[in-house]
Amino acid sequence: MSLLSELNTLLADCGISVETGIFSDKAPDSYLVITPLTETLELHADNTPGCETQEARLSLYSKGSYTKLKNALVRTLLGADFYITDRRYIGFETDTGYHHYAIDVAKIYDLEV
């Protein structure tokens, strides 16, 4: 399992359109874009890591109030054992009319080599 596949499966059940990297379809009033951020290996005494931390940013775009949707997403993510490492309002995009809110998430996975 990977962070991206788990996020896509989880968020598909939230009733919001989700894509990775860039939203390629005609944008609805609210949608999410998942951007992979990091895959880090923790330091181990024997120099052989057994797990990795994967992180991604969920960019929520909404033409209306994003607060209820943001709160629902946070509850869903926490309920699925994701770590939320940052949440922030990025700003209002005057050219598109969307509010942009970012939620950074992380999860630890067994290392697959």
Protein backbone atom coordinates (compact mmCIF):
# COMPACT_ATOMS: atom_id res chain seq x y z
CA MET A 1 0.00 0.00 0.00
CA SER A 2 1.18 3.54 -0.66
CA LEU A 3 0.04 6.94 0.54
CA LEU A 4 -1.30 7.96 -2.87
CA SER A 5 -3.33 4.81 -3.39
CA GLU A 6 -4.71 4.95 0.13
CA LEU A 7 -5.64 8.64 -0.19
CA ASN A 8 -7.32 8.12 -3.56
CA THR A 9 -9.40 5.24 -2.18
CA LEU A 10 -10.33 7.09 1.01
CA LEU A 11 -11.16 10.41 -0.62
CA ALA A 12 -13.19 8.85 -3.45
CA ASP A 13 -15.79 8.02 -0.79
CA CYS A 14 -16.01 11.67 0.36
CA GLY A 15 -18.08 12.86 -2.58
CA ILE A 16 -15.46 15.25 -3.95
CA SER A 17 -13.50 15.01 -7.20
CA VAL A 18 -9.85 14.04 -6.62
CA GLU A 19 -6.84 13.92 -8.94
CA THR A 20 -3.10 13.62 -8.44
CA GLY A 21 -0.72 16.37 -9.56
CA ILE A 22 -3.15 18.49 -11.58
CA PHE A 23 -6.89 18.59 -12.10
CA SER A 24 -7.34 17.78 -15.77
CA ASP A 25 -11.13 17.81 -16.17
CA LYS A 26 -13.45 20.82 -16.11
CA ALA A 27 -13.19 21.93 -12.50
CA PRO A 28 -16.32 21.57 -10.35
CA ASP A 29 -17.15 24.04 -7.56
CA SER A 30 -15.02 22.03 -5.10
CA TYR A 31 -12.20 19.58 -5.79
CA LEU A 32 -8.96 18.17 -4.39
CA VAL A 33 -5.50 17.82 -5.92
CA ILE A 34 -3.03 15.45 -4.24
CA THR A 35 0.64 16.38 -4.57
CA PRO A 36 3.26 13.88 -3.32
CA LEU A 37 5.82 15.64 -1.12
CA THR A 38 8.35 13.29 0.49
CA GLU A 39 9.28 9.70 1.23
CA THR A 40 11.74 9.64 4.11
CA LEU A 41 13.64 6.80 5.75
CA GLU A 42 14.18 7.09 9.47
CA LEU A 43 17.65 6.52 10.90
CA HIS A 44 18.09 3.02 12.33
CA ALA A 45 20.91 1.67 14.49
CA ASP A 46 21.76 -1.05 11.97
CA ASN A 47 21.45 1.36 8.98
CA THR A 48 18.66 -0.83 7.60
CA PRO A 49 15.33 1.01 7.75
CA GLY A 50 12.21 -1.10 7.99
CA CYS A 51 9.69 1.65 7.37
CA GLU A 52 9.28 4.94 5.56
CA THR A 53 7.20 8.04 6.13
CA GLN A 54 5.28 9.20 3.05
CA GLU A 55 3.84 12.72 2.88
CA ALA A 56 1.49 14.51 0.51
CA ARG A 57 -0.37 17.81 0.26
CA LEU A 58 -4.11 17.88 -0.32
CA SER A 59 -5.03 21.13 -2.03
CA LEU A 60 -8.71 21.86 -1.54
CA TYR A 61 -10.22 24.30 -4.02
CA SER A 62 -13.70 25.67 -3.41
CA LYS A 63 -15.75 28.47 -4.95
CA GLY A 64 -17.87 28.77 -1.80
CA SER A 65 -17.21 28.29 1.88
CA TYR A 66 -14.65 25.52 2.34
CA THR A 67 -14.97 25.18 6.14
CA LYS A 68 -17.46 22.28 6.36
CA LEU A 69 -15.67 20.34 3.64
CA LYS A 70 -12.28 20.96 5.26
CA ASN A 71 -13.56 19.76 8.63
CA ALA A 72 -15.11 16.63 7.08
CA LEU A 73 -11.83 15.84 5.30
CA VAL A 74 -9.83 16.28 8.50
CA ARG A 75 -12.19 13.96 10.44
CA THR A 76 -11.97 11.37 7.64
CA LEU A 77 -8.17 11.54 7.50
CA LEU A 78 -7.74 11.30 11.27
CA GLY A 79 -10.21 8.41 11.38
CA ALA A 80 -8.03 6.55 8.85
CA ASP A 81 -4.89 7.04 10.99
CA PHE A 82 -3.23 9.73 8.88
CA TYR A 83 -1.04 12.32 10.58
CA ILE A 84 -1.96 15.89 9.71
CA THR A 85 1.31 17.80 9.71
CA ASP A 86 0.02 21.18 8.52
CA ARG A 87 -3.20 22.99 7.59
CA ARG A 88 -3.29 26.45 6.10
CA TYR A 89 -5.31 28.82 4.01
CA ILE A 90 -3.27 29.59 0.90
CA GLY A 91 -5.50 32.35 -0.44
CA PHE A 92 -8.27 33.39 -2.77
CA GLU A 93 -7.44 33.08 -6.45
CA THR A 94 -9.04 36.09 -8.11
CA ASP A 95 -8.52 34.75 -11.63
CA THR A 96 -10.42 31.49 -10.94
CA GLY A 97 -12.70 32.43 -8.03
CA TYR A 98 -11.48 29.54 -5.85
CA HIS A 99 -10.41 29.56 -2.22
CA HIS A 100 -7.30 27.39 -1.82
CA TYR A 101 -6.76 25.51 1.43
CA ALA A 102 -3.91 23.01 1.99
CA ILE A 103 -3.82 19.98 4.27
CA ASP A 104 -0.48 18.16 4.56
CA VAL A 105 -0.71 14.50 5.60
CA ALA A 106 1.75 11.75 6.45
CA LYS A 107 1.62 8.04 7.18
CA ILE A 108 4.20 5.41 8.03
CA TYR A 109 4.46 2.33 5.80
CA ASP A 110 6.59 -0.81 5.84
CA LEU A 111 9.51 -0.33 3.48
CA GLU A 112 9.10 -2.21 0.21
CA VAL A 113 12.42 -2.92 -1.49
